[in-house]
Amino acid sequence: MAIATVQPLLKTLQMAERRFLYGLDQTPDDRLKWSPGGEGKTPLDVAGRVAGFLGFMTHMLQKQTMPERPSGPAPSPASREEAKTAVAAAFQQMRAHIEGLSEADLAQPIPTPWGSSVPAIEILWWINGIAGYWQGQLNYIQTAYGDMEPNMPPGWGHE
């Protein structure tokens, strides 16, 4: 069982995953590759970014180093199922790592992309904020094509 310090984070990560995947399920097939315009992301692009972000953060926490940074973003998932699989796997890998952390692990310095280091506990709390950012991106795209629902899964928050 995870240490008490990270149990609320694990719960909110589970909630974030469930809501994002539900939002993808609510996206009509003809809107999965639709962009609100210009360089705007599609729902599948956003899903790819979520999976990439979680993988990046998991690497930082596991290895206490910055991962190799590719010259550009990875290709977006090609389908709803590919996107859901990638997002679910990335959330699961993150949660599995967090579940194994000790209090001593939380104090370990982790390098940041801007060159400083912060304790792992600080990095952990960034994850929810950034996951919320990507949820907001998906919801914004949905409003751009007329879906004004917040796309909350039934019973969400009552896990």
C-alpha atoms as a PDB file:
ATOM      1  CA  MET A   1       0.000   0.000   0.000  1.00  0.00           C
ATOM      2  CA  ALA A   2       1.183   3.504  -0.801  1.00  0.00           C
ATOM      3  CA  ILE A   3       2.397   5.766   1.969  1.00  0.00           C
ATOM      4  CA  ALA A   4      -0.208   8.142   3.399  1.00  0.00           C
ATOM      5  CA  THR A   5       1.499  11.217   1.938  1.00  0.00           C
ATOM      6  CA  VAL A   6       0.731  10.173  -1.652  1.00  0.00           C
ATOM      7  CA  GLN A   7      -2.681   8.546  -1.238  1.00  0.00           C
ATOM      8  CA  PRO A   8      -4.656  11.745  -2.048  1.00  0.00           C
ATOM      9  CA  LEU A   9      -2.513  12.231  -5.156  1.00  0.00           C
ATOM     10  CA  LEU A  10      -3.172   8.670  -6.288  1.00  0.00           C
ATOM     11  CA  LYS A  11      -6.915   9.246  -5.892  1.00  0.00           C
ATOM     12  CA  THR A  12      -6.875  12.468  -7.893  1.00  0.00           C
ATOM     13  CA  LEU A  13      -4.737  10.877 -10.624  1.00  0.00           C
ATOM     14  CA  GLN A  14      -7.309   8.082 -10.900  1.00  0.00           C
ATOM     15  CA  MET A  15     -10.022  10.738 -11.178  1.00  0.00           C
ATOM     16  CA  ALA A  16      -8.041  12.656 -13.826  1.00  0.00           C
ATOM     17  CA  GLU A  17      -7.556   9.521 -15.905  1.00  0.00           C
ATOM     18  CA  ARG A  18     -11.212   8.558 -15.675  1.00  0.00           C
ATOM     19  CA  ARG A  19     -12.390  12.028 -16.669  1.00  0.00           C
ATOM     20  CA  PHE A  20      -9.976  12.377 -19.584  1.00  0.00           C
ATOM     21  CA  LEU A  21     -10.881   8.952 -20.991  1.00  0.00           C
ATOM     22  CA  TYR A  22     -14.576   9.692 -20.560  1.00  0.00           C
ATOM     23  CA  GLY A  23     -14.093  12.993 -22.394  1.00  0.00           C
ATOM     24  CA  LEU A  24     -12.441  11.151 -25.269  1.00  0.00           C
ATOM     25  CA  ASP A  25     -15.383   8.752 -25.368  1.00  0.00           C
ATOM     26  CA  GLN A  26     -17.760  11.728 -25.612  1.00  0.00           C
ATOM     27  CA  THR A  27     -15.875  13.132 -28.599  1.00  0.00           C
ATOM     28  CA  PRO A  28     -17.721  12.283 -31.836  1.00  0.00           C
ATOM     29  CA  ASP A  29     -15.733  10.212 -34.336  1.00  0.00           C
ATOM     30  CA  ASP A  30     -15.672  13.074 -36.826  1.00  0.00           C
ATOM     31  CA  ARG A  31     -14.138  15.409 -34.215  1.00  0.00           C
ATOM     32  CA  LEU A  32     -11.233  13.232 -33.014  1.00  0.00           C
ATOM     33  CA  LYS A  33      -8.916  14.718 -35.660  1.00  0.00           C
ATOM     34  CA  TRP A  34     -10.666  18.090 -35.768  1.00  0.00           C
ATOM     35  CA  SER A  35      -8.866  21.251 -34.718  1.00  0.00           C
ATOM     36  CA  PRO A  36     -10.465  24.583 -33.838  1.00  0.00           C
ATOM     37  CA  GLY A  37      -8.053  26.119 -36.355  1.00  0.00           C
ATOM     38  CA  GLY A  38      -4.489  27.049 -37.145  1.00  0.00           C
ATOM     39  CA  GLU A  39      -2.025  25.235 -34.947  1.00  0.00           C
ATOM     40  CA  GLY A  40      -4.795  24.232 -32.541  1.00  0.00           C
ATOM     41  CA  LYS A  41      -4.590  20.690 -31.250  1.00  0.00           C
ATOM     42  CA  THR A  42      -7.068  17.930 -31.982  1.00  0.00           C
ATOM     43  CA  PRO A  43      -8.481  15.664 -29.269  1.00  0.00           C
ATOM     44  CA  LEU A  44      -6.075  12.933 -30.418  1.00  0.00           C
ATOM     45  CA  ASP A  45      -3.172  15.406 -30.257  1.00  0.00           C
ATOM     46  CA  VAL A  46      -4.122  16.295 -26.692  1.00  0.00           C
ATOM     47  CA  ALA A  47      -4.318  12.617 -25.740  1.00  0.00           C
ATOM     48  CA  GLY A  48      -0.829  12.105 -27.159  1.00  0.00           C
ATOM     49  CA  ARG A  49       0.426  15.072 -25.151  1.00  0.00           C
ATOM     50  CA  VAL A  50      -1.101  13.665 -21.945  1.00  0.00           C
ATOM     51  CA  ALA A  51       0.611  10.311 -22.478  1.00  0.00           C
ATOM     52  CA  GLY A  52       3.891  12.019 -23.381  1.00  0.00           C
ATOM     53  CA  PHE A  53       3.794  14.326 -20.371  1.00  0.00           C
ATOM     54  CA  LEU A  54       3.103  11.475 -17.961  1.00  0.00           C
ATOM     55  CA  GLY A  55       5.889   9.398 -19.500  1.00  0.00           C
ATOM     56  CA  PHE A  56       8.287  12.336 -19.212  1.00  0.00           C
ATOM     57  CA  MET A  57       7.395  12.887 -15.559  1.00  0.00           C
ATOM     58  CA  THR A  58       7.564   9.186 -14.708  1.00  0.00           C
ATOM     59  CA  HIS A  59      11.056   9.040 -16.198  1.00  0.00           C
ATOM     60  CA  MET A  60      12.159  12.080 -14.189  1.00  0.00           C
ATOM     61  CA  LEU A  61      10.861  10.550 -10.958  1.00  0.00           C
ATOM     62  CA  GLN A  62      12.220   7.056 -11.605  1.00  0.00           C
ATOM     63  CA  LYS A  63      15.642   7.989 -12.925  1.00  0.00           C
ATOM     64  CA  GLN A  64      16.079  11.391 -11.253  1.00  0.00           C
ATOM     65  CA  THR A  65      17.323  12.657 -14.610  1.00  0.00           C
ATOM     66  CA  MET A  66      15.826  14.473 -17.530  1.00  0.00           C
ATOM     67  CA  PRO A  67      14.802  12.144 -20.355  1.00  0.00           C
ATOM     68  CA  GLU A  68      16.192  12.548 -23.846  1.00  0.00           C
ATOM     69  CA  ARG A  69      14.187  15.247 -25.543  1.00  0.00           C
ATOM     70  CA  PRO A  70      13.178  14.531 -29.111  1.00  0.00           C
ATOM     71  CA  SER A  71      13.360  17.253 -31.700  1.00  0.00           C
ATOM     72  CA  GLY A  72       9.575  17.399 -31.891  1.00  0.00           C
ATOM     73  CA  PRO A  73       6.452  15.898 -30.395  1.00  0.00           C
ATOM     74  CA  ALA A  74       5.741  12.222 -30.932  1.00  0.00           C
ATOM     75  CA  PRO A  75       3.099  11.440 -33.530  1.00  0.00           C
ATOM     76  CA  SER A  76      -0.439  11.690 -32.202  1.00  0.00           C
ATOM     77  CA  PRO A  77      -2.439   8.509 -31.693  1.00  0.00           C
ATOM     78  CA  ALA A  78      -4.267   7.507 -34.866  1.00  0.00           C
ATOM     79  CA  SER A  79      -7.536   6.427 -33.255  1.00  0.00           C
ATOM     80  CA  ARG A  80      -9.675   6.772 -30.140  1.00  0.00           C
ATOM     81  CA  GLU A  81      -8.641   3.302 -28.951  1.00  0.00           C
ATOM     82  CA  GLU A  82      -4.938   3.986 -29.527  1.00  0.00           C
ATOM     83  CA  ALA A  83      -5.286   7.254 -27.626  1.00  0.00           C
ATOM     84  CA  LYS A  84      -7.159   5.662 -24.729  1.00  0.00           C
ATOM     85  CA  THR A  85      -4.624   2.838 -24.505  1.00  0.00           C
ATOM     86  CA  ALA A  86      -1.687   5.263 -24.449  1.00  0.00           C
ATOM     87  CA  VAL A  87      -3.283   7.574 -21.871  1.00  0.00           C
ATOM     88  CA  ALA A  88      -4.382   4.702 -19.592  1.00  0.00           C
ATOM     89  CA  ALA A  89      -0.943   3.066 -19.766  1.00  0.00           C
ATOM     90  CA  ALA A  90       0.818   6.351 -18.963  1.00  0.00           C
ATOM     91  CA  PHE A  91      -1.440   7.016 -15.966  1.00  0.00           C
ATOM     92  CA  GLN A  92      -0.937   3.437 -14.762  1.00  0.00           C
ATOM     93  CA  GLN A  93       2.863   3.672 -15.014  1.00  0.00           C
ATOM     94  CA  MET A  94       2.811   6.937 -13.093  1.00  0.00           C
ATOM     95  CA  ARG A  95       0.555   5.560 -10.366  1.00  0.00           C
ATOM     96  CA  ALA A  96       2.600   2.350 -10.080  1.00  0.00           C
ATOM     97  CA  HIS A  97       5.740   4.388  -9.533  1.00  0.00           C
ATOM     98  CA  ILE A  98       4.095   6.661  -6.974  1.00  0.00           C
ATOM     99  CA  GLU A  99       2.674   3.668  -5.072  1.00  0.00           C
ATOM    100  CA  GLY A 100       6.214   2.420  -4.466  1.00  0.00           C
ATOM    101  CA  LEU A 101       7.648   5.681  -3.124  1.00  0.00           C
ATOM    102  CA  SER A 102       8.884   6.042   0.436  1.00  0.00           C
ATOM    103  CA  GLU A 103       9.063   9.207   2.510  1.00  0.00           C
ATOM    104  CA  ALA A 104      12.814   9.294   1.793  1.00  0.00           C
ATOM    105  CA  ASP A 105      12.100   9.104  -1.960  1.00  0.00           C
ATOM    106  CA  LEU A 106       9.895  12.182  -1.684  1.00  0.00           C
ATOM    107  CA  ALA A 107      12.870  14.238  -0.510  1.00  0.00           C
ATOM    108  CA  GLN A 108      15.132  13.211  -3.404  1.00  0.00           C
ATOM    109  CA  PRO A 109      16.153  16.093  -5.677  1.00  0.00           C
ATOM    110  CA  ILE A 110      14.723  15.882  -9.186  1.00  0.00           C
ATOM    111  CA  PRO A 111      16.125  18.033 -12.001  1.00  0.00           C
ATOM    112  CA  THR A 112      13.652  20.339 -13.712  1.00  0.00           C
ATOM    113  CA  PRO A 113      13.548  21.299 -17.393  1.00  0.00           C
ATOM    114  CA  TRP A 114      14.767  24.824 -16.490  1.00  0.00           C
ATOM    115  CA  GLY A 115      17.937  23.630 -14.775  1.00  0.00           C
ATOM    116  CA  SER A 116      17.186  23.647 -11.059  1.00  0.00           C
ATOM    117  CA  SER A 117      16.293  20.704  -8.825  1.00  0.00           C
ATOM    118  CA  VAL A 118      13.316  20.329  -6.512  1.00  0.00           C
ATOM    119  CA  PRO A 119      12.254  17.589  -4.103  1.00  0.00           C
ATOM    120  CA  ALA A 120      10.269  14.762  -5.703  1.00  0.00           C
ATOM    121  CA  ILE A 121       7.215  15.672  -3.606  1.00  0.00           C
ATOM    122  CA  GLU A 122       7.042  19.010  -5.419  1.00  0.00           C
ATOM    123  CA  ILE A 123       7.191  17.313  -8.817  1.00  0.00           C
ATOM    124  CA  LEU A 124       4.358  15.001  -7.775  1.00  0.00           C
ATOM    125  CA  TRP A 125       2.020  17.905  -7.108  1.00  0.00           C
ATOM    126  CA  TRP A 126       2.790  19.441 -10.494  1.00  0.00           C
ATOM    127  CA  ILE A 127       1.336  16.360 -12.133  1.00  0.00           C
ATOM    128  CA  ASN A 128      -2.248  17.101 -11.098  1.00  0.00           C
ATOM    129  CA  GLY A 129      -1.990  20.698 -12.222  1.00  0.00           C
ATOM    130  CA  ILE A 130      -0.676  19.769 -15.627  1.00  0.00           C
ATOM    131  CA  ALA A 131      -3.167  16.904 -16.014  1.00  0.00           C
ATOM    132  CA  GLY A 132      -5.872  19.488 -15.300  1.00  0.00           C
ATOM    133  CA  TYR A 133      -4.390  21.737 -17.968  1.00  0.00           C
ATOM    134  CA  TRP A 134      -4.709  18.980 -20.579  1.00  0.00           C
ATOM    135  CA  GLN A 135      -8.267  18.220 -19.413  1.00  0.00           C
ATOM    136  CA  GLY A 136      -9.045  21.884 -19.962  1.00  0.00           C
ATOM    137  CA  GLN A 137      -7.570  21.713 -23.460  1.00  0.00           C
ATOM    138  CA  LEU A 138      -9.820  18.774 -24.341  1.00  0.00           C
ATOM    139  CA  ASN A 139     -12.863  20.533 -22.890  1.00  0.00           C
ATOM    140  CA  TYR A 140     -12.047  23.737 -24.759  1.00  0.00           C
ATOM    141  CA  ILE A 141     -11.811  21.874 -28.076  1.00  0.00           C
ATOM    142  CA  GLN A 142     -15.175  20.292 -27.297  1.00  0.00           C
ATOM    143  CA  THR A 143     -16.771  23.685 -26.693  1.00  0.00           C
ATOM    144  CA  ALA A 144     -15.328  24.937 -29.991  1.00  0.00           C
ATOM    145  CA  TYR A 145     -17.477  22.420 -31.876  1.00  0.00           C
ATOM    146  CA  GLY A 146     -20.525  23.044 -29.704  1.00  0.00           C
ATOM    147  CA  ASP A 147     -20.267  20.476 -26.880  1.00  0.00           C
ATOM    148  CA  MET A 148     -21.056  22.576 -23.820  1.00  0.00           C
ATOM    149  CA  GLU A 149     -21.204  19.618 -21.424  1.00  0.00           C
ATOM    150  CA  PRO A 150     -18.369  19.340 -18.890  1.00  0.00           C
ATOM    151  CA  ASN A 151     -18.191  15.619 -19.765  1.00  0.00           C
ATOM    152  CA  MET A 152     -17.946  14.383 -16.208  1.00  0.00           C
ATOM    153  CA  PRO A 153     -18.166  10.585 -15.903  1.00  0.00           C
ATOM    154  CA  PRO A 154     -21.238   9.314 -14.053  1.00  0.00           C
ATOM    155  CA  GLY A 155     -20.427   9.117 -10.352  1.00  0.00           C
ATOM    156  CA  TRP A 156     -17.136  10.945 -10.884  1.00  0.00           C
ATOM    157  CA  GLY A 157     -15.569  12.121  -7.664  1.00  0.00           C
ATOM    158  CA  HIS A 158     -17.405   9.528  -5.590  1.00  0.00           C
ATOM    159  CA  GLU A 159     -14.892   6.742  -6.089  1.00  0.00           C
END
